[in-house]
Amino acid sequence: MPMADEVPHPYSIEVSPLAKPEGHFQWAIRRSGKLIERSDRPHRSAEKAHESAMEAVERALKPNAASGRR
């Protein structure tokens, strides 16, 4: 699936279909291969899941991102 937005190195995004609810997708973000965050809700399309994951990567790239998250 071609993605318009480039994921910054060393991050990667994995979008995968869910068994339930059928037809929905989830995402996972990895940094250097290590899982750092996973979606907490189903998305209606792979594109929507990818958009949500990109927003999460952008949050992770902001200064002080780690200190604000628990």
PDB file of N, CA and C in Angstrom:
ATOM      1  N   MET A   1       0.854  -1.178   0.000  1.00  0.00           N
ATOM      2  CA  MET A   1       0.000   0.000   0.000  1.00  0.00           C
ATOM      3  C   MET A   1       0.895   1.234   0.000  1.00  0.00           C
ATOM      4  N   PRO A   2       0.828   2.108  -0.996  1.00  0.00           N
ATOM      5  CA  PRO A   2       1.668   3.293  -1.038  1.00  0.00           C
ATOM      6  C   PRO A   2       1.224   4.317  -0.006  1.00  0.00           C
ATOM      7  N   MET A   3       2.175   4.900   0.667  1.00  0.00           N
ATOM      8  CA  MET A   3       1.870   5.888   1.695  1.00  0.00           C
ATOM      9  C   MET A   3       2.415   7.239   1.256  1.00  0.00           C
ATOM     10  N   ALA A   4       1.601   8.274   1.348  1.00  0.00           N
ATOM     11  CA  ALA A   4       2.019   9.608   0.947  1.00  0.00           C
ATOM     12  C   ALA A   4       3.003  10.186   1.959  1.00  0.00           C
ATOM     13  N   ASP A   5       2.807   9.896   3.225  1.00  0.00           N
ATOM     14  CA  ASP A   5       3.668  10.435   4.274  1.00  0.00           C
ATOM     15  C   ASP A   5       4.808   9.470   4.564  1.00  0.00           C
ATOM     16  N   GLU A   6       6.014   9.998   4.596  1.00  0.00           N
ATOM     17  CA  GLU A   6       7.177   9.187   4.934  1.00  0.00           C
ATOM     18  C   GLU A   6       7.302   9.102   6.447  1.00  0.00           C
ATOM     19  N   VAL A   7       7.516   7.921   6.955  1.00  0.00           N
ATOM     20  CA  VAL A   7       7.711   7.713   8.379  1.00  0.00           C
ATOM     21  C   VAL A   7       9.184   7.991   8.682  1.00  0.00           C
ATOM     22  N   PRO A   8       9.453   8.905   9.631  1.00  0.00           N
ATOM     23  CA  PRO A   8      10.843   9.250   9.908  1.00  0.00           C
ATOM     24  C   PRO A   8      11.620   8.092  10.540  1.00  0.00           C
ATOM     25  N   HIS A   9      12.870   7.939  10.104  1.00  0.00           N
ATOM     26  CA  HIS A   9      13.762   6.929  10.679  1.00  0.00           C
ATOM     27  C   HIS A   9      14.024   7.301  12.127  1.00  0.00           C
ATOM     28  N   PRO A  10      14.041   6.449  13.101  1.00  0.00           N
ATOM     29  CA  PRO A  10      14.042   4.988  13.059  1.00  0.00           C
ATOM     30  C   PRO A  10      12.660   4.377  13.295  1.00  0.00           C
ATOM     31  N   TYR A  11      11.601   5.135  13.061  1.00  0.00           N
ATOM     32  CA  TYR A  11      10.242   4.649  13.310  1.00  0.00           C
ATOM     33  C   TYR A  11       9.714   3.838  12.125  1.00  0.00           C
ATOM     34  N   SER A  12       8.808   2.910  12.440  1.00  0.00           N
ATOM     35  CA  SER A  12       8.078   2.191  11.411  1.00  0.00           C
ATOM     36  C   SER A  12       6.644   2.012  11.891  1.00  0.00           C
ATOM     37  N   ILE A  13       5.736   1.958  10.941  1.00  0.00           N
ATOM     38  CA  ILE A  13       4.312   1.794  11.238  1.00  0.00           C
ATOM     39  C   ILE A  13       3.838   0.500  10.608  1.00  0.00           C
ATOM     40  N   GLU A  14       3.120  -0.289  11.399  1.00  0.00           N
ATOM     41  CA  GLU A  14       2.500  -1.518  10.904  1.00  0.00           C
ATOM     42  C   GLU A  14       0.993  -1.365  11.042  1.00  0.00           C
ATOM     43  N   VAL A  15       0.277  -1.500   9.947  1.00  0.00           N
ATOM     44  CA  VAL A  15      -1.190  -1.462   9.959  1.00  0.00           C
ATOM     45  C   VAL A  15      -1.667  -2.868   9.657  1.00  0.00           C
ATOM     46  N   SER A  16      -2.582  -3.382  10.484  1.00  0.00           N
ATOM     47  CA  SER A  16      -3.062  -4.748  10.278  1.00  0.00           C
ATOM     48  C   SER A  16      -4.574  -4.827  10.515  1.00  0.00           C
ATOM     49  N   PRO A  17      -5.232  -5.756   9.824  1.00  0.00           N
ATOM     50  CA  PRO A  17      -6.683  -5.910  10.006  1.00  0.00           C
ATOM     51  C   PRO A  17      -7.002  -6.571  11.344  1.00  0.00           C
ATOM     52  N   LEU A  18      -8.156  -6.216  11.868  1.00  0.00           N
ATOM     53  CA  LEU A  18      -8.652  -6.824  13.102  1.00  0.00           C
ATOM     54  C   LEU A  18      -9.657  -7.925  12.771  1.00  0.00           C
ATOM     55  N   ALA A  19      -9.699  -8.960  13.599  1.00  0.00           N
ATOM     56  CA  ALA A  19     -10.714 -10.002  13.440  1.00  0.00           C
ATOM     57  C   ALA A  19     -12.071  -9.459  13.888  1.00  0.00           C
ATOM     58  N   LYS A  20     -12.060  -8.682  14.973  1.00  0.00           N
ATOM     59  CA  LYS A  20     -13.282  -8.066  15.499  1.00  0.00           C
ATOM     60  C   LYS A  20     -12.950  -6.649  15.904  1.00  0.00           C
ATOM     61  N   PRO A  21     -13.697  -5.654  15.509  1.00  0.00           N
ATOM     62  CA  PRO A  21     -14.777  -5.757  14.537  1.00  0.00           C
ATOM     63  C   PRO A  21     -14.229  -5.976  13.128  1.00  0.00           C
ATOM     64  N   GLU A  22     -14.872  -6.859  12.425  1.00  0.00           N
ATOM     65  CA  GLU A  22     -14.448  -7.211  11.066  1.00  0.00           C
ATOM     66  C   GLU A  22     -14.442  -5.973  10.181  1.00  0.00           C
ATOM     67  N   GLY A  23     -13.430  -5.878   9.335  1.00  0.00           N
ATOM     68  CA  GLY A  23     -13.326  -4.745   8.425  1.00  0.00           C
ATOM     69  C   GLY A  23     -12.636  -3.527   9.020  1.00  0.00           C
ATOM     70  N   HIS A  24     -12.155  -3.648  10.254  1.00  0.00           N
ATOM     71  CA  HIS A  24     -11.459  -2.544  10.911  1.00  0.00           C
ATOM     72  C   HIS A  24      -9.968  -2.865  11.021  1.00  0.00           C
ATOM     73  N   PHE A  25      -9.183  -1.830  11.329  1.00  0.00           N
ATOM     74  CA  PHE A  25      -7.727  -1.962  11.349  1.00  0.00           C
ATOM     75  C   PHE A  25      -7.145  -1.374  12.626  1.00  0.00           C
ATOM     76  N   GLN A  26      -5.953  -1.846  12.961  1.00  0.00           N
ATOM     77  CA  GLN A  26      -5.198  -1.305  14.089  1.00  0.00           C
ATOM     78  C   GLN A  26      -3.804  -0.943  13.589  1.00  0.00           C
ATOM     79  N   TRP A  27      -3.047  -0.200  14.387  1.00  0.00           N
ATOM     80  CA  TRP A  27      -1.677   0.128  14.018  1.00  0.00           C
ATOM     81  C   TRP A  27      -0.746  -0.106  15.190  1.00  0.00           C
ATOM     82  N   ALA A  28       0.518  -0.245  14.868  1.00  0.00           N
ATOM     83  CA  ALA A  28       1.583  -0.348  15.874  1.00  0.00           C
ATOM     84  C   ALA A  28       2.752   0.491  15.365  1.00  0.00           C
ATOM     85  N   ILE A  29       3.402   1.177  16.295  1.00  0.00           N
ATOM     86  CA  ILE A  29       4.585   1.974  15.956  1.00  0.00           C
ATOM     87  C   ILE A  29       5.785   1.319  16.622  1.00  0.00           C
ATOM     88  N   ARG A  30       6.839   1.170  15.839  1.00  0.00           N
ATOM     89  CA  ARG A  30       8.094   0.618  16.346  1.00  0.00           C
ATOM     90  C   ARG A  30       9.202   1.634  16.135  1.00  0.00           C
ATOM     91  N   ARG A  31      10.115   1.686  17.103  1.00  0.00           N
ATOM     92  CA  ARG A  31      11.311   2.509  16.980  1.00  0.00           C
ATOM     93  C   ARG A  31      12.489   1.558  17.029  1.00  0.00           C
ATOM     94  N   SER A  32      13.235   1.495  15.942  1.00  0.00           N
ATOM     95  CA  SER A  32      14.364   0.563  15.813  1.00  0.00           C
ATOM     96  C   SER A  32      13.917  -0.866  16.087  1.00  0.00           C
ATOM     97  N   GLY A  33      12.706  -1.211  15.645  1.00  0.00           N
ATOM     98  CA  GLY A  33      12.187  -2.568  15.782  1.00  0.00           C
ATOM     99  C   GLY A  33      11.465  -2.857  17.085  1.00  0.00           C
ATOM    100  N   LYS A  34      11.551  -1.952  18.063  1.00  0.00           N
ATOM    101  CA  LYS A  34      10.920  -2.176  19.373  1.00  0.00           C
ATOM    102  C   LYS A  34       9.557  -1.483  19.425  1.00  0.00           C
ATOM    103  N   LEU A  35       8.528  -2.229  19.819  1.00  0.00           N
ATOM    104  CA  LEU A  35       7.183  -1.679  19.928  1.00  0.00           C
ATOM    105  C   LEU A  35       7.174  -0.552  20.950  1.00  0.00           C
ATOM    106  N   ILE A  36       6.679   0.635  20.529  1.00  0.00           N
ATOM    107  CA  ILE A  36       6.582   1.743  21.476  1.00  0.00           C
ATOM    108  C   ILE A  36       5.146   2.184  21.718  1.00  0.00           C
ATOM    109  N   GLU A  37       4.254   1.920  20.760  1.00  0.00           N
ATOM    110  CA  GLU A  37       2.853   2.308  20.948  1.00  0.00           C
ATOM    111  C   GLU A  37       1.969   1.502  20.009  1.00  0.00           C
ATOM    112  N   ARG A  38       0.737   1.250  20.453  1.00  0.00           N
ATOM    113  CA  ARG A  38      -0.240   0.507  19.651  1.00  0.00           C
ATOM    114  C   ARG A  38      -1.576   1.244  19.741  1.00  0.00           C
ATOM    115  N   SER A  39      -2.372   1.166  18.677  1.00  0.00           N
ATOM    116  CA  SER A  39      -3.665   1.854  18.695  1.00  0.00           C
ATOM    117  C   SER A  39      -4.554   1.261  19.779  1.00  0.00           C
ATOM    118  N   ASP A  40      -5.352   2.129  20.377  1.00  0.00           N
ATOM    119  CA  ASP A  40      -6.248   1.674  21.440  1.00  0.00           C
ATOM    120  C   ASP A  40      -7.687   1.565  20.975  1.00  0.00           C
ATOM    121  N   ARG A  41      -7.916   1.853  19.675  1.00  0.00           N
ATOM    122  CA  ARG A  41      -9.274   1.720  19.133  1.00  0.00           C
ATOM    123  C   ARG A  41      -9.207   1.267  17.688  1.00  0.00           C
ATOM    124  N   PRO A  42     -10.254   0.619  17.212  1.00  0.00           N
ATOM    125  CA  PRO A  42     -10.278   0.174  15.805  1.00  0.00           C
ATOM    126  C   PRO A  42     -10.510   1.355  14.866  1.00  0.00           C
ATOM    127  N   HIS A  43      -9.960   1.252  13.668  1.00  0.00           N
ATOM    128  CA  HIS A  43     -10.135   2.281  12.641  1.00  0.00           C
ATOM    129  C   HIS A  43     -10.873   1.657  11.460  1.00  0.00           C
ATOM    130  N   ARG A  44     -11.726   2.436  10.808  1.00  0.00           N
ATOM    131  CA  ARG A  44     -12.603   1.931   9.747  1.00  0.00           C
ATOM    132  C   ARG A  44     -11.881   1.583   8.452  1.00  0.00           C
ATOM    133  N   SER A  45     -10.660   2.083   8.278  1.00  0.00           N
ATOM    134  CA  SER A  45      -9.908   1.769   7.062  1.00  0.00           C
ATOM    135  C   SER A  45      -8.415   1.742   7.381  1.00  0.00           C
ATOM    136  N   ALA A  46      -7.651   1.108   6.521  1.00  0.00           N
ATOM    137  CA  ALA A  46      -6.199   1.082   6.693  1.00  0.00           C
ATOM    138  C   ALA A  46      -5.637   2.496   6.588  1.00  0.00           C
ATOM    139  N   GLU A  47      -6.212   3.313   5.715  1.00  0.00           N
ATOM    140  CA  GLU A  47      -5.749   4.689   5.558  1.00  0.00           C
ATOM    141  C   GLU A  47      -5.964   5.493   6.837  1.00  0.00           C
ATOM    142  N   LYS A  48      -7.132   5.342   7.467  1.00  0.00           N
ATOM    143  CA  LYS A  48      -7.419   6.053   8.722  1.00  0.00           C
ATOM    144  C   LYS A  48      -6.478   5.576   9.828  1.00  0.00           C
ATOM    145  N   ALA A  49      -6.201   4.286   9.855  1.00  0.00           N
ATOM    146  CA  ALA A  49      -5.272   3.755  10.855  1.00  0.00           C
ATOM    147  C   ALA A  49      -3.883   4.344  10.643  1.00  0.00           C
ATOM    148  N   HIS A  50      -3.445   4.423   9.395  1.00  0.00           N
ATOM    149  CA  HIS A  50      -2.123   4.990   9.102  1.00  0.00           C
ATOM    150  C   HIS A  50      -2.064   6.465   9.485  1.00  0.00           C
ATOM    151  N   GLU A  51      -3.121   7.223   9.196  1.00  0.00           N
ATOM    152  CA  GLU A  51      -3.169   8.643   9.573  1.00  0.00           C
ATOM    153  C   GLU A  51      -3.041   8.794  11.086  1.00  0.00           C
ATOM    154  N   SER A  52      -3.756   7.978  11.827  1.00  0.00           N
ATOM    155  CA  SER A  52      -3.698   8.030  13.280  1.00  0.00           C
ATOM    156  C   SER A  52      -2.298   7.681  13.784  1.00  0.00           C
ATOM    157  N   ALA A  53      -1.663   6.693  13.179  1.00  0.00           N
ATOM    158  CA  ALA A  53      -0.313   6.301  13.561  1.00  0.00           C
ATOM    159  C   ALA A  53       0.685   7.421  13.272  1.00  0.00           C
ATOM    160  N   MET A  54       0.533   8.097  12.129  1.00  0.00           N
ATOM    161  CA  MET A  54       1.427   9.219  11.807  1.00  0.00           C
ATOM    162  C   MET A  54       1.289  10.335  12.838  1.00  0.00           C
ATOM    163  N   GLU A  55       0.074  10.590  13.293  1.00  0.00           N
ATOM    164  CA  GLU A  55      -0.133  11.601  14.340  1.00  0.00           C
ATOM    165  C   GLU A  55       0.589  11.193  15.620  1.00  0.00           C
ATOM    166  N   ALA A  56       0.551   9.906  15.954  1.00  0.00           N
ATOM    167  CA  ALA A  56       1.244   9.419  17.145  1.00  0.00           C
ATOM    168  C   ALA A  56       2.762   9.551  16.992  1.00  0.00           C
ATOM    169  N   VAL A  57       3.290   9.278  15.798  1.00  0.00           N
ATOM    170  CA  VAL A  57       4.726   9.451  15.553  1.00  0.00           C
ATOM    171  C   VAL A  57       5.103  10.919  15.709  1.00  0.00           C
ATOM    172  N   GLU A  58       4.283  11.808  15.163  1.00  0.00           N
ATOM    173  CA  GLU A  58       4.556  13.238  15.283  1.00  0.00           C
ATOM    174  C   GLU A  58       4.579  13.667  16.740  1.00  0.00           C
ATOM    175  N   ARG A  59       3.660  13.125  17.555  1.00  0.00           N
ATOM    176  CA  ARG A  59       3.671  13.430  18.994  1.00  0.00           C
ATOM    177  C   ARG A  59       4.954  12.924  19.637  1.00  0.00           C
ATOM    178  N   ALA A  60       5.400  11.737  19.229  1.00  0.00           N
ATOM    179  CA  ALA A  60       6.611  11.142  19.806  1.00  0.00           C
ATOM    180  C   ALA A  60       7.856  11.950  19.445  1.00  0.00           C
ATOM    181  N   LEU A  61       7.837  12.634  18.318  1.00  0.00           N
ATOM    182  CA  LEU A  61       8.987  13.418  17.876  1.00  0.00           C
ATOM    183  C   LEU A  61       9.103  14.770  18.563  1.00  0.00           C
ATOM    184  N   LYS A  62       8.012  15.251  19.168  1.00  0.00           N
ATOM    185  CA  LYS A  62       8.036  16.562  19.818  1.00  0.00           C
ATOM    186  C   LYS A  62       8.899  16.516  21.073  1.00  0.00           C
ATOM    187  N   PRO A  63       9.594  17.610  21.369  1.00  0.00           N
ATOM    188  CA  PRO A  63      10.379  17.670  22.613  1.00  0.00           C
ATOM    189  C   PRO A  63       9.481  17.462  23.817  1.00  0.00           C
ATOM    190  N   ASN A  64      10.013  16.791  24.828  1.00  0.00           N
ATOM    191  CA  ASN A  64       9.289  16.502  26.076  1.00  0.00           C
ATOM    192  C   ASN A  64       8.135  15.549  25.895  1.00  0.00           C
ATOM    193  N   ALA A  65       8.053  14.845  24.763  1.00  0.00           N
ATOM    194  CA  ALA A  65       6.953  13.906  24.531  1.00  0.00           C
ATOM    195  C   ALA A  65       6.966  12.775  25.548  1.00  0.00           C
ATOM    196  N   ALA A  66       8.135  12.258  25.875  1.00  0.00           N
ATOM    197  CA  ALA A  66       8.240  11.135  26.806  1.00  0.00           C
ATOM    198  C   ALA A  66       7.821  11.528  28.207  1.00  0.00           C
ATOM    199  N   SER A  67       8.114  12.756  28.609  1.00  0.00           N
ATOM    200  CA  SER A  67       7.797  13.177  29.978  1.00  0.00           C
ATOM    201  C   SER A  67       6.314  13.399  30.190  1.00  0.00           C
ATOM    202  N   GLY A  68       5.537  13.679  29.116  1.00  0.00           N
ATOM    203  CA  GLY A  68       4.127  13.945  29.266  1.00  0.00           C
ATOM    204  C   GLY A  68       3.265  12.706  29.205  1.00  0.00           C
ATOM    205  N   ARG A  69       3.837  11.564  28.917  1.00  0.00           N
ATOM    206  CA  ARG A  69       3.072  10.332  28.723  1.00  0.00           C
ATOM    207  C   ARG A  69       3.394   9.335  29.818  1.00  0.00           C
ATOM    208  N   ARG A  70       2.374   8.712  30.375  1.00  0.00           N
ATOM    209  CA  ARG A  70       2.581   7.708  31.420  1.00  0.00           C
ATOM    210  C   ARG A  70       1.814   6.464  31.091  1.00  0.00           C
TER     211      ARG A  70
END
